[in-house]
């Protein structure tokens, strides 16, 4: 199974939608809350090439973007293979 990191905020509806899709797919993920762990925001900015909005999602170290991009991968049939790939 893939290693998934998702940077979130508890006040973000898009974060909930992205986590819901991953949960529906049976994917385990490492949630990094930048509101309660502000030191992780710099890490997110670096990994996401300056993208500052949450969620920022990484699958096996690859930056896939946010909620819209995650759902677009699913609609295109590309998400399941990514989730089943070993890191």
PDB file of N, CA and C in Angstrom:
ATOM      1  N   UNK A   1       0.840  -1.183   0.000  1.00  0.00           N
ATOM      2  CA  UNK A   1       0.000   0.000   0.000  1.00  0.00           C
ATOM      3  C   UNK A   1       0.887   1.249   0.000  1.00  0.00           C
ATOM      4  N   UNK A   2       0.408   2.284  -0.599  1.00  0.00           N
ATOM      5  CA  UNK A   2       1.150   3.532  -0.738  1.00  0.00           C
ATOM      6  C   UNK A   2       1.303   4.250   0.600  1.00  0.00           C
ATOM      7  N   UNK A   3       2.370   5.041   0.687  1.00  0.00           N
ATOM      8  CA  UNK A   3       2.555   5.942   1.824  1.00  0.00           C
ATOM      9  C   UNK A   3       1.949   7.286   1.443  1.00  0.00           C
ATOM     10  N   UNK A   4       1.015   7.751   2.257  1.00  0.00           N
ATOM     11  CA  UNK A   4       0.290   8.982   1.940  1.00  0.00           C
ATOM     12  C   UNK A   4       0.452   9.976   3.082  1.00  0.00           C
ATOM     13  N   UNK A   5       0.882  11.180   2.743  1.00  0.00           N
ATOM     14  CA  UNK A   5       0.927  12.292   3.685  1.00  0.00           C
ATOM     15  C   UNK A   5      -0.083  13.320   3.209  1.00  0.00           C
ATOM     16  N   UNK A   6      -0.886  13.820   4.143  1.00  0.00           N
ATOM     17  CA  UNK A   6      -1.840  14.868   3.805  1.00  0.00           C
ATOM     18  C   UNK A   6      -1.756  15.969   4.863  1.00  0.00           C
ATOM     19  N   UNK A   7      -1.408  17.158   4.417  1.00  0.00           N
ATOM     20  CA  UNK A   7      -1.327  18.329   5.286  1.00  0.00           C
ATOM     21  C   UNK A   7      -2.716  18.958   5.336  1.00  0.00           C
ATOM     22  N   UNK A   8      -3.217  19.182   6.540  1.00  0.00           N
ATOM     23  CA  UNK A   8      -4.595  19.623   6.712  1.00  0.00           C
ATOM     24  C   UNK A   8      -4.726  20.739   7.734  1.00  0.00           C
ATOM     25  N   UNK A   9      -5.951  21.214   7.828  1.00  0.00           N
ATOM     26  CA  UNK A   9      -6.393  22.141   8.865  1.00  0.00           C
ATOM     27  C   UNK A   9      -7.790  21.683   9.290  1.00  0.00           C
ATOM     28  N   UNK A  10      -8.114  21.787  10.576  1.00  0.00           N
ATOM     29  CA  UNK A  10      -9.429  21.311  11.016  1.00  0.00           C
ATOM     30  C   UNK A  10     -10.588  22.172  10.510  1.00  0.00           C
ATOM     31  N   UNK A  11     -10.302  23.310   9.938  1.00  0.00           N
ATOM     32  CA  UNK A  11     -11.342  24.232   9.487  1.00  0.00           C
ATOM     33  C   UNK A  11     -11.542  24.192   7.973  1.00  0.00           C
ATOM     34  N   UNK A  12     -11.044  23.135   7.340  1.00  0.00           N
ATOM     35  CA  UNK A  12     -11.003  23.061   5.878  1.00  0.00           C
ATOM     36  C   UNK A  12     -11.932  21.972   5.360  1.00  0.00           C
ATOM     37  N   UNK A  13     -12.983  22.367   4.652  1.00  0.00           N
ATOM     38  CA  UNK A  13     -13.907  21.410   4.067  1.00  0.00           C
ATOM     39  C   UNK A  13     -13.268  20.556   2.986  1.00  0.00           C
ATOM     40  N   UNK A  14     -12.320  21.129   2.236  1.00  0.00           N
ATOM     41  CA  UNK A  14     -11.627  20.370   1.209  1.00  0.00           C
ATOM     42  C   UNK A  14     -10.763  19.269   1.828  1.00  0.00           C
ATOM     43  N   UNK A  15     -10.218  19.548   3.009  1.00  0.00           N
ATOM     44  CA  UNK A  15      -9.432  18.532   3.726  1.00  0.00           C
ATOM     45  C   UNK A  15     -10.314  17.344   4.087  1.00  0.00           C
ATOM     46  N   UNK A  16     -11.504  17.637   4.593  1.00  0.00           N
ATOM     47  CA  UNK A  16     -12.434  16.571   4.948  1.00  0.00           C
ATOM     48  C   UNK A  16     -12.834  15.760   3.714  1.00  0.00           C
ATOM     49  N   UNK A  17     -13.055  16.438   2.591  1.00  0.00           N
ATOM     50  CA  UNK A  17     -13.442  15.745   1.361  1.00  0.00           C
ATOM     51  C   UNK A  17     -12.313  14.839   0.862  1.00  0.00           C
ATOM     52  N   UNK A  18     -11.076  15.322   0.920  1.00  0.00           N
ATOM     53  CA  UNK A  18      -9.933  14.518   0.477  1.00  0.00           C
ATOM     54  C   UNK A  18      -9.749  13.306   1.395  1.00  0.00           C
ATOM     55  N   UNK A  19      -9.835  13.534   2.698  1.00  0.00           N
ATOM     56  CA  UNK A  19      -9.692  12.425   3.650  1.00  0.00           C
ATOM     57  C   UNK A  19     -10.822  11.421   3.479  1.00  0.00           C
ATOM     58  N   UNK A  20     -12.008  11.898   3.187  1.00  0.00           N
ATOM     59  CA  UNK A  20     -13.155  11.016   2.980  1.00  0.00           C
ATOM     60  C   UNK A  20     -12.929  10.115   1.769  1.00  0.00           C
ATOM     61  N   UNK A  21     -12.418  10.673   0.679  1.00  0.00           N
ATOM     62  CA  UNK A  21     -12.149   9.872  -0.509  1.00  0.00           C
ATOM     63  C   UNK A  21     -11.085   8.816  -0.216  1.00  0.00           C
ATOM     64  N   UNK A  22     -10.015   9.215   0.451  1.00  0.00           N
ATOM     65  CA  UNK A  22      -8.960   8.261   0.777  1.00  0.00           C
ATOM     66  C   UNK A  22      -9.478   7.157   1.690  1.00  0.00           C
ATOM     67  N   UNK A  23     -10.305   7.529   2.665  1.00  0.00           N
ATOM     68  CA  UNK A  23     -10.890   6.544   3.578  1.00  0.00           C
ATOM     69  C   UNK A  23     -11.798   5.588   2.815  1.00  0.00           C
ATOM     70  N   UNK A  24     -12.603   6.139   1.907  1.00  0.00           N
ATOM     71  CA  UNK A  24     -13.496   5.315   1.083  1.00  0.00           C
ATOM     72  C   UNK A  24     -12.702   4.304   0.254  1.00  0.00           C
ATOM     73  N   UNK A  25     -11.507   4.701  -0.163  1.00  0.00           N
ATOM     74  CA  UNK A  25     -10.644   3.830  -0.954  1.00  0.00           C
ATOM     75  C   UNK A  25      -9.890   2.831  -0.068  1.00  0.00           C
ATOM     76  N   UNK A  26     -10.046   2.943   1.245  1.00  0.00           N
ATOM     77  CA  UNK A  26      -9.360   2.044   2.166  1.00  0.00           C
ATOM     78  C   UNK A  26      -7.892   2.379   2.365  1.00  0.00           C
ATOM     79  N   UNK A  27      -7.518   3.597   2.043  1.00  0.00           N
ATOM     80  CA  UNK A  27      -6.121   4.021   2.142  1.00  0.00           C
ATOM     81  C   UNK A  27      -5.827   4.594   3.523  1.00  0.00           C
ATOM     82  N   UNK A  28      -4.741   4.133   4.107  1.00  0.00           N
ATOM     83  CA  UNK A  28      -4.257   4.731   5.345  1.00  0.00           C
ATOM     84  C   UNK A  28      -3.430   5.951   4.974  1.00  0.00           C
ATOM     85  N   UNK A  29      -3.497   6.978   5.810  1.00  0.00           N
ATOM     86  CA  UNK A  29      -2.718   8.177   5.520  1.00  0.00           C
ATOM     87  C   UNK A  29      -2.210   8.800   6.802  1.00  0.00           C
ATOM     88  N   UNK A  30      -1.136   9.538   6.654  1.00  0.00           N
ATOM     89  CA  UNK A  30      -0.517  10.271   7.753  1.00  0.00           C
ATOM     90  C   UNK A  30      -1.021  11.709   7.657  1.00  0.00           C
ATOM     91  N   UNK A  31      -1.871  12.100   8.595  1.00  0.00           N
ATOM     92  CA  UNK A  31      -2.417  13.460   8.594  1.00  0.00           C
ATOM     93  C   UNK A  31      -1.507  14.372   9.400  1.00  0.00           C
ATOM     94  N   UNK A  32      -1.132  15.485   8.779  1.00  0.00           N
ATOM     95  CA  UNK A  32      -0.269  16.467   9.413  1.00  0.00           C
ATOM     96  C   UNK A  32      -1.054  17.764   9.516  1.00  0.00           C
ATOM     97  N   UNK A  33      -1.512  18.079  10.719  1.00  0.00           N
ATOM     98  CA  UNK A  33      -2.341  19.258  10.969  1.00  0.00           C
ATOM     99  C   UNK A  33      -1.442  20.469  11.171  1.00  0.00           C
ATOM    100  N   UNK A  34      -1.444  21.389  10.199  1.00  0.00           N
ATOM    101  CA  UNK A  34      -0.555  22.549  10.295  1.00  0.00           C
ATOM    102  C   UNK A  34      -1.089  23.629  11.228  1.00  0.00           C
ATOM    103  N   UNK A  35      -2.342  23.516  11.645  1.00  0.00           N
ATOM    104  CA  UNK A  35      -2.881  24.483  12.593  1.00  0.00           C
ATOM    105  C   UNK A  35      -2.321  24.224  13.989  1.00  0.00           C
ATOM    106  N   UNK A  36      -2.312  22.970  14.385  1.00  0.00           N
ATOM    107  CA  UNK A  36      -1.846  22.619  15.724  1.00  0.00           C
ATOM    108  C   UNK A  36      -0.363  22.280  15.752  1.00  0.00           C
ATOM    109  N   UNK A  37       0.253  22.146  14.589  1.00  0.00           N
ATOM    110  CA  UNK A  37       1.691  21.919  14.466  1.00  0.00           C
ATOM    111  C   UNK A  37       2.240  22.906  13.441  1.00  0.00           C
ATOM    112  N   UNK A  38       2.258  24.206  13.792  1.00  0.00           N
ATOM    113  CA  UNK A  38       2.642  25.229  12.815  1.00  0.00           C
ATOM    114  C   UNK A  38       4.062  25.057  12.263  1.00  0.00           C
ATOM    115  N   UNK A  39       4.920  24.363  12.981  1.00  0.00           N
ATOM    116  CA  UNK A  39       6.277  24.140  12.464  1.00  0.00           C
ATOM    117  C   UNK A  39       6.247  23.276  11.206  1.00  0.00           C
ATOM    118  N   UNK A  40       5.182  22.535  10.998  1.00  0.00           N
ATOM    119  CA  UNK A  40       5.056  21.675   9.816  1.00  0.00           C
ATOM    120  C   UNK A  40       4.635  22.449   8.571  1.00  0.00           C
ATOM    121  N   UNK A  41       4.195  23.699   8.749  1.00  0.00           N
ATOM    122  CA  UNK A  41       3.766  24.485   7.588  1.00  0.00           C
ATOM    123  C   UNK A  41       4.945  24.739   6.646  1.00  0.00           C
ATOM    124  N   UNK A  42       6.103  25.057   7.192  1.00  0.00           N
ATOM    125  CA  UNK A  42       7.295  25.268   6.369  1.00  0.00           C
ATOM    126  C   UNK A  42       7.673  24.013   5.605  1.00  0.00           C
ATOM    127  N   UNK A  43       7.541  22.870   6.269  1.00  0.00           N
ATOM    128  CA  UNK A  43       7.802  21.588   5.614  1.00  0.00           C
ATOM    129  C   UNK A  43       6.853  21.389   4.438  1.00  0.00           C
ATOM    130  N   UNK A  44       5.569  21.698   4.658  1.00  0.00           N
ATOM    131  CA  UNK A  44       4.570  21.567   3.603  1.00  0.00           C
ATOM    132  C   UNK A  44       4.909  22.493   2.435  1.00  0.00           C
ATOM    133  N   UNK A  45       5.229  23.735   2.732  1.00  0.00           N
ATOM    134  CA  UNK A  45       5.561  24.702   1.681  1.00  0.00           C
ATOM    135  C   UNK A  45       6.737  24.222   0.841  1.00  0.00           C
ATOM    136  N   UNK A  46       7.732  23.678   1.507  1.00  0.00           N
ATOM    137  CA  UNK A  46       8.910  23.174   0.796  1.00  0.00           C
ATOM    138  C   UNK A  46       8.540  21.986  -0.090  1.00  0.00           C
ATOM    139  N   UNK A  47       7.831  21.028   0.470  1.00  0.00           N
ATOM    140  CA  UNK A  47       7.482  19.815  -0.285  1.00  0.00           C
ATOM    141  C   UNK A  47       6.518  20.112  -1.424  1.00  0.00           C
ATOM    142  N   UNK A  48       5.638  21.107  -1.226  1.00  0.00           N
ATOM    143  CA  UNK A  48       4.607  21.431  -2.218  1.00  0.00           C
ATOM    144  C   UNK A  48       5.021  22.580  -3.135  1.00  0.00           C
ATOM    145  N   UNK A  49       6.320  22.868  -3.185  1.00  0.00           N
ATOM    146  CA  UNK A  49       6.842  23.922  -4.060  1.00  0.00           C
ATOM    147  C   UNK A  49       6.140  25.258  -3.859  1.00  0.00           C
ATOM    148  N   UNK A  50       5.893  25.613  -2.598  1.00  0.00           N
ATOM    149  CA  UNK A  50       5.313  26.903  -2.268  1.00  0.00           C
ATOM    150  C   UNK A  50       3.805  26.943  -2.167  1.00  0.00           C
ATOM    151  N   UNK A  51       3.122  25.869  -2.497  1.00  0.00           N
ATOM    152  CA  UNK A  51       1.656  25.853  -2.367  1.00  0.00           C
ATOM    153  C   UNK A  51       1.299  25.962  -0.889  1.00  0.00           C
ATOM    154  N   UNK A  52       0.471  26.939  -0.567  1.00  0.00           N
ATOM    155  CA  UNK A  52       0.198  27.225   0.838  1.00  0.00           C
ATOM    156  C   UNK A  52      -1.207  26.836   1.292  1.00  0.00           C
ATOM    157  N   UNK A  53      -2.045  26.431   0.367  1.00  0.00           N
ATOM    158  CA  UNK A  53      -3.409  26.039   0.732  1.00  0.00           C
ATOM    159  C   UNK A  53      -3.442  24.572   1.139  1.00  0.00           C
ATOM    160  N   UNK A  54      -4.351  24.256   2.036  1.00  0.00           N
ATOM    161  CA  UNK A  54      -4.548  22.859   2.418  1.00  0.00           C
ATOM    162  C   UNK A  54      -5.825  22.351   1.772  1.00  0.00           C
ATOM    163  N   UNK A  55      -5.905  21.061   1.507  1.00  0.00           N
ATOM    164  CA  UNK A  55      -4.884  20.058   1.784  1.00  0.00           C
ATOM    165  C   UNK A  55      -3.799  20.046   0.717  1.00  0.00           C
ATOM    166  N   UNK A  56      -2.646  19.552   1.115  1.00  0.00           N
ATOM    167  CA  UNK A  56      -1.573  19.214   0.176  1.00  0.00           C
ATOM    168  C   UNK A  56      -1.322  17.730   0.375  1.00  0.00           C
ATOM    169  N   UNK A  57      -1.384  16.979  -0.707  1.00  0.00           N
ATOM    170  CA  UNK A  57      -1.374  15.523  -0.629  1.00  0.00           C
ATOM    171  C   UNK A  57      -0.165  14.967  -1.380  1.00  0.00           C
ATOM    172  N   UNK A  58       0.483  13.994  -0.732  1.00  0.00           N
ATOM    173  CA  UNK A  58       1.645  13.327  -1.302  1.00  0.00           C
ATOM    174  C   UNK A  58       1.410  11.824  -1.251  1.00  0.00           C
ATOM    175  N   UNK A  59       1.601  11.162  -2.373  1.00  0.00           N
ATOM    176  CA  UNK A  59       1.476   9.704  -2.448  1.00  0.00           C
ATOM    177  C   UNK A  59       2.827   9.154  -2.857  1.00  0.00           C
ATOM    178  N   UNK A  60       3.385   8.335  -1.968  1.00  0.00           N
ATOM    179  CA  UNK A  60       4.735   7.791  -2.174  1.00  0.00           C
ATOM    180  C   UNK A  60       5.741   8.894  -2.496  1.00  0.00           C
ATOM    181  N   UNK A  61       5.611  10.008  -1.775  1.00  0.00           N
ATOM    182  CA  UNK A  61       6.536  11.123  -1.925  1.00  0.00           C
ATOM    183  C   UNK A  61       6.245  12.046  -3.087  1.00  0.00           C
ATOM    184  N   UNK A  62       5.321  11.667  -3.959  1.00  0.00           N
ATOM    185  CA  UNK A  62       4.970  12.500  -5.114  1.00  0.00           C
ATOM    186  C   UNK A  62       3.855  13.467  -4.740  1.00  0.00           C
ATOM    187  N   UNK A  63       4.060  14.730  -5.024  1.00  0.00           N
ATOM    188  CA  UNK A  63       3.049  15.748  -4.744  1.00  0.00           C
ATOM    189  C   UNK A  63       1.947  15.641  -5.788  1.00  0.00           C
ATOM    190  N   UNK A  64       0.737  15.325  -5.327  1.00  0.00           N
ATOM    191  CA  UNK A  64      -0.378  15.214  -6.270  1.00  0.00           C
ATOM    192  C   UNK A  64      -1.260  16.448  -6.244  1.00  0.00           C
ATOM    193  N   UNK A  65      -1.057  17.334  -5.278  1.00  0.00           N
ATOM    194  CA  UNK A  65      -1.838  18.561  -5.210  1.00  0.00           C
ATOM    195  C   UNK A  65      -2.824  18.535  -4.071  1.00  0.00           C
ATOM    196  N   UNK A  66      -3.984  19.133  -4.326  1.00  0.00           N
ATOM    197  CA  UNK A  66      -5.009  19.249  -3.303  1.00  0.00           C
ATOM    198  C   UNK A  66      -6.200  18.351  -3.569  1.00  0.00           C
ATOM    199  N   UNK A  67      -7.312  18.717  -2.992  1.00  0.00           N
ATOM    200  CA  UNK A  67      -8.534  17.927  -3.074  1.00  0.00           C
ATOM    201  C   UNK A  67      -9.023  17.779  -4.515  1.00  0.00           C
ATOM    202  N   UNK A  68      -9.044  18.862  -5.261  1.00  0.00           N
ATOM    203  CA  UNK A  68      -9.530  18.801  -6.647  1.00  0.00           C
ATOM    204  C   UNK A  68      -8.675  17.869  -7.489  1.00  0.00           C
ATOM    205  N   UNK A  69      -7.365  17.948  -7.312  1.00  0.00           N
ATOM    206  CA  UNK A  69      -6.467  17.098  -8.078  1.00  0.00           C
ATOM    207  C   UNK A  69      -6.631  15.626  -7.686  1.00  0.00           C
ATOM    208  N   UNK A  70      -6.848  15.374  -6.394  1.00  0.00           N
ATOM    209  CA  UNK A  70      -7.068  14.006  -5.921  1.00  0.00           C
ATOM    210  C   UNK A  70      -8.330  13.421  -6.553  1.00  0.00           C
ATOM    211  N   UNK A  71      -9.408  14.200  -6.561  1.00  0.00           N
ATOM    212  CA  UNK A  71     -10.652  13.729  -7.168  1.00  0.00           C
ATOM    213  C   UNK A  71     -10.513  13.567  -8.681  1.00  0.00           C
ATOM    214  N   UNK A  72      -9.724  14.432  -9.327  1.00  0.00           N
ATOM    215  CA  UNK A  72      -9.491  14.312 -10.769  1.00  0.00           C
ATOM    216  C   UNK A  72      -8.724  13.030 -11.082  1.00  0.00           C
ATOM    217  N   UNK A  73      -7.749  12.689 -10.245  1.00  0.00           N
ATOM    218  CA  UNK A  73      -7.027  11.421 -10.428  1.00  0.00           C
ATOM    219  C   UNK A  73      -7.986  10.248 -10.322  1.00  0.00           C
ATOM    220  N   UNK A  74      -8.900  10.319  -9.361  1.00  0.00           N
ATOM    221  CA  UNK A  74      -9.869   9.245  -9.184  1.00  0.00           C
ATOM    222  C   UNK A  74     -10.786   9.140 -10.402  1.00  0.00           C
ATOM    223  N   UNK A  75     -11.276  10.272 -10.879  1.00  0.00           N
ATOM    224  CA  UNK A  75     -12.185  10.276 -12.028  1.00  0.00           C
ATOM    225  C   UNK A  75     -11.501   9.742 -13.286  1.00  0.00           C
ATOM    226  N   UNK A  76     -10.193   9.957 -13.393  1.00  0.00           N
ATOM    227  CA  UNK A  76      -9.441   9.497 -14.557  1.00  0.00           C
ATOM    228  C   UNK A  76      -8.977   8.042 -14.416  1.00  0.00           C
ATOM    229  N   UNK A  77      -9.291   7.426 -13.272  1.00  0.00           N
ATOM    230  CA  UNK A  77      -8.883   6.041 -13.053  1.00  0.00           C
ATOM    231  C   UNK A  77      -7.422   5.877 -12.685  1.00  0.00           C
ATOM    232  N   UNK A  78      -6.771   6.963 -12.290  1.00  0.00           N
ATOM    233  CA  UNK A  78      -5.342   6.922 -11.971  1.00  0.00           C
ATOM    234  C   UNK A  78      -5.050   6.808 -10.477  1.00  0.00           C
ATOM    235  N   UNK A  79      -6.056   7.062  -9.630  1.00  0.00           N
ATOM    236  CA  UNK A  79      -5.807   7.061  -8.198  1.00  0.00           C
ATOM    237  C   UNK A  79      -5.596   5.653  -7.643  1.00  0.00           C
ATOM    238  N   UNK A  80      -6.436   4.713  -8.021  1.00  0.00           N
ATOM    239  CA  UNK A  80      -6.319   3.351  -7.481  1.00  0.00           C
ATOM    240  C   UNK A  80      -4.943   2.739  -7.723  1.00  0.00           C
ATOM    241  N   UNK A  81      -4.388   2.844  -8.936  1.00  0.00           N
ATOM    242  CA  UNK A  81      -3.034   2.298  -9.130  1.00  0.00           C
ATOM    243  C   UNK A  81      -1.989   2.994  -8.248  1.00  0.00           C
ATOM    244  N   UNK A  82      -2.140   4.293  -8.042  1.00  0.00           N
ATOM    245  CA  UNK A  82      -1.200   5.005  -7.174  1.00  0.00           C
ATOM    246  C   UNK A  82      -1.308   4.508  -5.732  1.00  0.00           C
ATOM    247  N   UNK A  83      -2.535   4.270  -5.308  1.00  0.00           N
ATOM    248  CA  UNK A  83      -2.754   3.840  -3.924  1.00  0.00           C
ATOM    249  C   UNK A  83      -2.279   2.408  -3.685  1.00  0.00           C
ATOM    250  N   UNK A  84      -2.284   1.602  -4.714  1.00  0.00           N
ATOM    251  CA  UNK A  84      -1.861   0.211  -4.550  1.00  0.00           C
ATOM    252  C   UNK A  84      -0.356   0.026  -4.742  1.00  0.00           C
ATOM    253  N   UNK A  85       0.326   1.049  -5.226  1.00  0.00           N
ATOM    254  CA  UNK A  85       1.766   0.947  -5.468  1.00  0.00           C
ATOM    255  C   UNK A  85       2.545   1.035  -4.153  1.00  0.00           C
ATOM    256  N   UNK A  86       3.503   0.178  -4.015  1.00  0.00           N
ATOM    257  CA  UNK A  86       4.382   0.225  -2.842  1.00  0.00           C
ATOM    258  C   UNK A  86       5.341   1.385  -2.982  1.00  0.00           C
ATOM    259  N   UNK A  87       5.743   1.954  -1.849  1.00  0.00           N
ATOM    260  CA  UNK A  87       6.681   3.082  -1.914  1.00  0.00           C
ATOM    261  C   UNK A  87       8.051   2.686  -2.439  1.00  0.00           C
TER     262      UNK A  87
END
